[in-house]
Amino acid sequence: MTTYNFVVERAGQPFKNWEVEAANLDEAWDEATKGFGELITELDGDLRWGRDLRLLVADAIGTPVFDLRFSSTRYIGN
């Protein structure tokens, strides 16, 4: 098992972090998508345009292995 560090940034600022033990990158990816989805649900309407979320996943020594992003844009007008 490998330890992966999950770090969430909200509007470019640290927001939340946790560690996950996973057998491989596919399992880490599954945990990241589940965790990121749960986080978005927990925000319960507190998402605003321009306040993007980013989940960076790094290995135990801090080397980035992938990231997920949730981005929003507001278009003014009809």
C-alpha atoms as a PDB file:
ATOM      1  CA  MET A   1       0.000   0.000   0.000  1.00  0.00           C
ATOM      2  CA  THR A   2       1.121   3.524  -0.741  1.00  0.00           C
ATOM      3  CA  THR A   3       0.152   6.682   1.110  1.00  0.00           C
ATOM      4  CA  TYR A   4      -1.253   9.462  -1.048  1.00  0.00           C
ATOM      5  CA  ASN A   5      -1.757  13.023   0.148  1.00  0.00           C
ATOM      6  CA  PHE A   6      -4.950  14.718  -1.012  1.00  0.00           C
ATOM      7  CA  VAL A   7      -4.843  18.524  -0.859  1.00  0.00           C
ATOM      8  CA  VAL A   8      -7.816  20.701  -1.831  1.00  0.00           C
ATOM      9  CA  GLU A   9      -7.391  24.328  -2.824  1.00  0.00           C
ATOM     10  CA  ARG A  10     -10.361  26.669  -3.048  1.00  0.00           C
ATOM     11  CA  ALA A  11      -9.820  29.842  -5.064  1.00  0.00           C
ATOM     12  CA  GLY A  12      -6.086  29.101  -4.889  1.00  0.00           C
ATOM     13  CA  GLN A  13      -6.004  28.844  -1.075  1.00  0.00           C
ATOM     14  CA  PRO A  14      -5.534  25.684   1.023  1.00  0.00           C
ATOM     15  CA  PHE A  15      -8.951  24.393   2.054  1.00  0.00           C
ATOM     16  CA  LYS A  16      -8.814  20.765   3.167  1.00  0.00           C
ATOM     17  CA  ASN A  17      -6.381  17.844   3.166  1.00  0.00           C
ATOM     18  CA  TRP A  18      -6.279  14.158   4.059  1.00  0.00           C
ATOM     19  CA  GLU A  19      -4.264  10.998   3.451  1.00  0.00           C
ATOM     20  CA  VAL A  20      -5.367   7.792   1.745  1.00  0.00           C
ATOM     21  CA  GLU A  21      -3.744   4.371   1.641  1.00  0.00           C
ATOM     22  CA  ALA A  22      -4.140   2.816  -1.806  1.00  0.00           C
ATOM     23  CA  ALA A  23      -2.746  -0.247  -3.551  1.00  0.00           C
ATOM     24  CA  ASN A  24      -2.108   1.583  -6.832  1.00  0.00           C
ATOM     25  CA  LEU A  25      -2.862   4.749  -8.835  1.00  0.00           C
ATOM     26  CA  ASP A  26      -6.212   3.406 -10.046  1.00  0.00           C
ATOM     27  CA  GLU A  27      -7.368   2.924  -6.477  1.00  0.00           C
ATOM     28  CA  ALA A  28      -6.036   6.372  -5.521  1.00  0.00           C
ATOM     29  CA  TRP A  29      -7.972   7.832  -8.482  1.00  0.00           C
ATOM     30  CA  ASP A  30     -11.173   6.125  -7.321  1.00  0.00           C
ATOM     31  CA  GLU A  31     -10.722   7.536  -3.810  1.00  0.00           C
ATOM     32  CA  ALA A  32      -9.954  10.996  -5.205  1.00  0.00           C
ATOM     33  CA  THR A  33     -13.072  11.128  -7.382  1.00  0.00           C
ATOM     34  CA  LYS A  34     -15.288   9.882  -4.549  1.00  0.00           C
ATOM     35  CA  GLY A  35     -13.755  12.294  -2.045  1.00  0.00           C
ATOM     36  CA  PHE A  36     -13.928  15.260  -4.412  1.00  0.00           C
ATOM     37  CA  GLY A  37     -17.557  14.510  -5.239  1.00  0.00           C
ATOM     38  CA  GLU A  38     -18.419  14.281  -1.539  1.00  0.00           C
ATOM     39  CA  LEU A  39     -16.660  17.592  -0.880  1.00  0.00           C
ATOM     40  CA  ILE A  40     -18.650  19.334  -3.601  1.00  0.00           C
ATOM     41  CA  THR A  41     -21.851  17.919  -2.086  1.00  0.00           C
ATOM     42  CA  GLU A  42     -20.821  19.073   1.416  1.00  0.00           C
ATOM     43  CA  LEU A  43     -20.382  22.640   0.158  1.00  0.00           C
ATOM     44  CA  ASP A  44     -24.171  22.582  -0.374  1.00  0.00           C
ATOM     45  CA  GLY A  45     -24.644  25.680  -2.500  1.00  0.00           C
ATOM     46  CA  ASP A  46     -21.540  27.532  -1.301  1.00  0.00           C
ATOM     47  CA  LEU A  47     -19.802  27.181  -4.668  1.00  0.00           C
ATOM     48  CA  ARG A  48     -19.479  30.474  -6.509  1.00  0.00           C
ATOM     49  CA  TRP A  49     -18.199  31.290  -9.973  1.00  0.00           C
ATOM     50  CA  GLY A  50     -14.540  32.107 -10.040  1.00  0.00           C
ATOM     51  CA  ARG A  51     -13.848  30.131  -6.830  1.00  0.00           C
ATOM     52  CA  ASP A  52     -12.470  27.029  -8.466  1.00  0.00           C
ATOM     53  CA  LEU A  53     -11.661  23.868  -6.548  1.00  0.00           C
ATOM     54  CA  ARG A  54      -8.550  21.791  -7.161  1.00  0.00           C
ATOM     55  CA  LEU A  55      -7.686  18.440  -5.613  1.00  0.00           C
ATOM     56  CA  LEU A  56      -3.988  17.683  -5.927  1.00  0.00           C
ATOM     57  CA  VAL A  57      -2.930  14.098  -5.240  1.00  0.00           C
ATOM     58  CA  ALA A  58       0.717  13.512  -4.352  1.00  0.00           C
ATOM     59  CA  ASP A  59       2.676  10.471  -3.273  1.00  0.00           C
ATOM     60  CA  ALA A  60       4.135  10.103   0.232  1.00  0.00           C
ATOM     61  CA  ILE A  61       7.204  12.219  -0.593  1.00  0.00           C
ATOM     62  CA  GLY A  62       5.147  15.023  -2.146  1.00  0.00           C
ATOM     63  CA  THR A  63       5.522  14.272  -5.846  1.00  0.00           C
ATOM     64  CA  PRO A  64       2.278  15.200  -7.652  1.00  0.00           C
ATOM     65  CA  VAL A  65       0.667  12.244  -9.425  1.00  0.00           C
ATOM     66  CA  PHE A  66      -2.569  13.862 -10.681  1.00  0.00           C
ATOM     67  CA  ASP A  67      -5.134  16.517  -9.946  1.00  0.00           C
ATOM     68  CA  LEU A  68      -8.840  17.082 -10.383  1.00  0.00           C
ATOM     69  CA  ARG A  69     -10.413  20.474 -10.955  1.00  0.00           C
ATOM     70  CA  PHE A  70     -13.899  21.895 -10.640  1.00  0.00           C
ATOM     71  CA  SER A  71     -14.170  25.191 -12.460  1.00  0.00           C
ATOM     72  CA  SER A  72     -17.041  27.585 -12.984  1.00  0.00           C
ATOM     73  CA  THR A  73     -17.639  30.567 -15.258  1.00  0.00           C
ATOM     74  CA  ARG A  74     -20.444  33.085 -15.176  1.00  0.00           C
ATOM     75  CA  TYR A  75     -21.540  34.588 -18.479  1.00  0.00           C
ATOM     76  CA  ILE A  76     -23.349  37.863 -18.036  1.00  0.00           C
ATOM     77  CA  GLY A  77     -26.213  38.581 -20.404  1.00  0.00           C
ATOM     78  CA  ASN A  78     -29.069  36.688 -21.979  1.00  0.00           C
END
